[in-house]
Amino acid sequence: MRAEFDRVAQSLTNRKVALVTTASEDKDRNQYAQLGKSQLTEMGFEVDFVDLQTDPRFDFSAYDVIYVNGGNTFTLLKYAKDAHFEQTVRALLGRGGIYLGVSAGAIIACPDMTVAVEVEPDPNDVELTDFTALHLVDFYLDVHYVPANEAAIASYEKKYGHQVERLTDEQAILVIDKSVQRL
């Protein structure tokens, strides 16, 4: 997956990444945020941590990549909505930038986050009631897929009429324009 990201990122000129830690426990001290920063730094990127909860007006215009770390999906979506993050991401994509979503960061790229509401939900401590997400892609994801969740996912698919892409922790999906490729 790293090689594929390298290939896609070759055309980027600024080499700056905004790593969004809003949903992560311990925010920028989160082990996965630190791992993402380390990997991106090794690839020649400058990485800045961003928390949409504490800085909802953050200016992303200088960044080529927005990397949205995982964590509590409800928390992430609430503060993404409060920060009008969808417009920020669409502007990034419009200028040829990359949105990289991990776990909750991938789920909020979907039309809505109802899969995360019904299959192994996080606590909804922020009392989110509107599960409409960024709708950057036209499909639904179950991240951290394990066969033990298959019955719950199949029930979700039947209930909502949505096909769910199942991703294990070793898989990713690359979307360029309308082309979708499983990695």
Protein backbone atom coordinates (compact mmCIF):
# COMPACT_ATOMS: atom_id res chain seq x y z
CA MET A 1 0.00 0.00 0.00
CA ARG A 2 2.88 2.34 0.72
CA ALA A 3 4.22 1.89 -2.81
CA GLU A 4 0.79 2.74 -4.23
CA PHE A 5 0.60 5.89 -2.09
CA ASP A 6 4.11 6.84 -3.24
CA ARG A 7 3.00 6.45 -6.87
CA VAL A 8 -0.12 8.58 -6.40
CA ALA A 9 1.74 11.22 -4.33
CA GLN A 10 4.59 11.71 -6.85
CA SER A 11 2.89 14.68 -8.47
CA LEU A 12 2.44 16.57 -5.20
CA THR A 13 4.59 19.67 -5.01
CA ASN A 14 4.12 20.90 -1.46
CA ARG A 15 4.67 17.56 0.36
CA LYS A 16 2.73 18.78 3.41
CA VAL A 17 0.29 16.59 5.32
CA ALA A 18 -2.37 17.69 7.79
CA LEU A 19 -2.88 14.69 10.07
CA VAL A 20 -6.32 15.03 11.70
CA THR A 21 -6.37 13.50 15.19
CA THR A 22 -9.85 14.65 16.25
CA ALA A 23 -11.26 11.17 16.93
CA SER A 24 -8.11 9.63 18.38
CA GLU A 25 -7.54 8.86 22.02
CA ASP A 26 -4.64 11.03 23.20
CA LYS A 27 -4.94 13.07 19.97
CA ASP A 28 -1.42 13.69 18.56
CA ARG A 29 0.14 11.34 21.13
CA ASN A 30 -1.98 8.44 19.81
CA GLN A 31 0.20 5.52 18.72
CA TYR A 32 -1.42 5.34 15.27
CA ALA A 33 -1.11 9.09 14.72
CA GLN A 34 2.55 8.84 15.67
CA LEU A 35 3.02 5.85 13.34
CA GLY A 36 1.35 7.73 10.46
CA LYS A 37 3.56 10.74 11.08
CA SER A 38 6.69 8.59 11.20
CA GLN A 39 5.83 6.78 7.95
CA LEU A 40 4.98 9.99 6.11
CA THR A 41 8.10 11.76 7.39
CA GLU A 42 10.21 8.85 6.11
CA MET A 43 8.58 9.41 2.71
CA GLY A 44 9.68 13.06 2.68
CA PHE A 45 6.48 14.73 3.90
CA GLU A 46 6.20 17.49 6.48
CA VAL A 47 3.42 16.51 8.90
CA ASP A 48 1.33 18.77 11.13
CA PHE A 49 -1.27 17.52 13.58
CA VAL A 50 -4.74 19.09 13.43
CA ASP A 51 -7.67 18.71 15.82
CA LEU A 52 -10.99 19.88 14.34
CA GLN A 53 -12.51 19.97 17.82
CA THR A 54 -10.09 22.59 19.14
CA ASP A 55 -9.31 24.32 15.83
CA PRO A 56 -12.42 24.12 13.60
CA ARG A 57 -11.23 27.01 11.40
CA PHE A 58 -7.86 25.47 10.59
CA ASP A 59 -6.59 26.55 7.15
CA PHE A 60 -5.79 23.43 5.09
CA SER A 61 -4.96 25.35 1.89
CA ALA A 62 -1.18 24.82 2.21
CA TYR A 63 -1.51 21.02 2.41
CA ASP A 64 -1.41 18.44 -0.37
CA VAL A 65 -2.67 15.61 1.82
CA ILE A 66 -5.27 15.41 4.55
CA TYR A 67 -4.75 12.23 6.56
CA VAL A 68 -7.68 11.52 8.88
CA ASN A 69 -6.72 9.18 11.69
CA GLY A 70 -9.13 6.74 13.28
CA GLY A 71 -10.83 6.71 16.64
CA ASN A 72 -14.41 7.36 17.65
CA THR A 73 -16.44 7.74 14.45
CA PHE A 74 -19.24 9.71 16.14
CA THR A 75 -16.76 12.23 17.57
CA LEU A 76 -14.96 12.58 14.25
CA LEU A 77 -18.13 13.15 12.24
CA LYS A 78 -19.57 15.64 14.74
CA TYR A 79 -16.50 17.87 14.70
CA ALA A 80 -16.01 17.42 10.94
CA LYS A 81 -19.55 18.76 10.45
CA ASP A 82 -18.99 21.59 12.93
CA ALA A 83 -15.82 22.58 11.01
CA HIS A 84 -17.47 22.32 7.55
CA PHE A 85 -14.75 19.80 6.78
CA GLU A 86 -16.54 18.44 3.70
CA GLN A 87 -15.97 21.72 1.83
CA THR A 88 -12.32 21.71 2.91
CA VAL A 89 -11.79 18.18 1.61
CA ARG A 90 -13.62 18.85 -1.67
CA ALA A 91 -11.42 21.93 -2.21
CA LEU A 92 -8.33 19.79 -1.54
CA LEU A 93 -9.47 17.15 -4.04
CA GLY A 94 -10.33 19.86 -6.57
CA ARG A 95 -6.75 21.09 -6.54
CA GLY A 96 -5.33 17.57 -6.96
CA GLY A 97 -4.72 16.76 -3.29
CA ILE A 98 -5.16 13.45 -1.50
CA TYR A 99 -7.62 12.47 1.23
CA LEU A 100 -6.30 9.52 3.21
CA GLY A 101 -8.77 8.08 5.71
CA VAL A 102 -7.87 5.43 8.25
CA SER A 103 -10.59 3.56 10.16
CA ALA A 104 -13.08 6.27 11.26
CA GLY A 105 -11.38 8.57 8.75
CA ALA A 106 -12.35 6.13 5.97
CA ILE A 107 -15.89 5.64 7.26
CA ILE A 108 -16.72 9.36 7.17
CA ALA A 109 -15.75 9.43 3.48
CA CYS A 110 -18.83 7.26 2.79
CA PRO A 111 -22.35 8.63 2.14
CA ASP A 112 -23.20 8.01 5.79
CA MET A 113 -21.76 6.23 8.80
CA THR A 114 -24.69 3.91 9.57
CA VAL A 115 -22.47 0.83 9.17
CA ALA A 116 -20.43 2.10 12.12
CA VAL A 117 -23.67 2.74 14.02
CA GLU A 118 -24.92 -0.82 13.60
CA VAL A 119 -21.80 -3.00 13.38
CA GLU A 120 -19.55 -2.70 16.46
CA PRO A 121 -20.49 0.90 17.25
CA ASP A 122 -18.29 3.30 19.18
CA PRO A 123 -19.89 5.09 22.14
CA ASN A 124 -21.93 8.05 20.91
CA ASP A 125 -20.74 10.39 23.66
CA VAL A 126 -21.33 13.46 21.46
CA GLU A 127 -25.01 12.48 20.96
CA LEU A 128 -24.78 12.67 17.17
CA THR A 129 -28.15 12.06 15.51
CA ASP A 130 -27.42 12.89 11.85
CA PHE A 131 -25.21 10.14 10.45
CA THR A 132 -24.84 11.71 7.00
CA ALA A 133 -21.12 11.71 6.23
CA LEU A 134 -18.88 13.47 3.68
CA HIS A 135 -20.04 11.35 0.70
CA LEU A 136 -16.66 11.49 -1.01
CA VAL A 137 -17.29 7.97 -2.32
CA ASP A 138 -20.47 6.16 -3.31
CA PHE A 139 -19.89 3.00 -1.27
CA TYR A 140 -20.05 1.89 2.35
CA LEU A 141 -17.22 0.41 4.41
CA ASP A 142 -16.77 -1.97 7.25
CA VAL A 143 -13.23 -1.35 8.46
CA HIS A 144 -11.37 -3.82 10.69
CA TYR A 145 -13.46 -6.58 9.11
CA VAL A 146 -13.44 -9.95 10.83
CA PRO A 147 -15.62 -12.92 9.87
CA ALA A 148 -17.36 -12.75 13.27
CA ASN A 149 -19.08 -9.53 12.04
CA GLU A 150 -20.43 -11.10 8.85
CA ALA A 151 -23.96 -11.71 10.19
CA ALA A 152 -24.28 -8.10 11.40
CA ILE A 153 -22.99 -6.76 8.08
CA ALA A 154 -25.32 -9.01 6.07
CA SER A 155 -28.23 -7.84 8.23
CA TYR A 156 -27.21 -4.21 7.61
CA GLU A 157 -27.01 -4.82 3.83
CA LYS A 158 -30.49 -6.36 3.81
CA LYS A 159 -31.97 -3.59 6.01
CA TYR A 160 -30.57 -0.66 3.99
CA GLY A 161 -30.04 -2.18 0.55
CA HIS A 162 -26.37 -1.11 0.53
CA GLN A 163 -23.46 -3.30 -0.47
CA VAL A 164 -20.71 -3.00 2.14
CA GLU A 165 -17.04 -3.21 1.20
CA ARG A 166 -15.28 -5.26 3.84
CA LEU A 167 -11.72 -4.21 4.67
CA THR A 168 -9.39 -6.06 6.98
CA ASP A 169 -6.60 -4.15 8.70
CA GLU A 170 -4.26 -5.23 5.89
CA GLN A 171 -6.43 -3.83 3.07
CA ALA A 172 -7.20 -0.45 1.55
CA ILE A 173 -9.25 1.04 -1.24
CA LEU A 174 -7.77 3.58 -3.64
CA VAL A 175 -10.20 5.91 -5.39
CA ILE A 176 -8.99 8.13 -8.22
CA ASP A 177 -11.83 10.05 -9.88
CA LYS A 178 -14.46 7.31 -10.26
CA SER A 179 -11.97 4.44 -10.49
CA VAL A 180 -12.02 2.18 -7.40
CA GLN A 181 -9.19 -0.27 -6.74
CA ARG A 182 -8.83 -2.66 -3.80
CA LEU A 183 -5.30 -2.93 -2.47
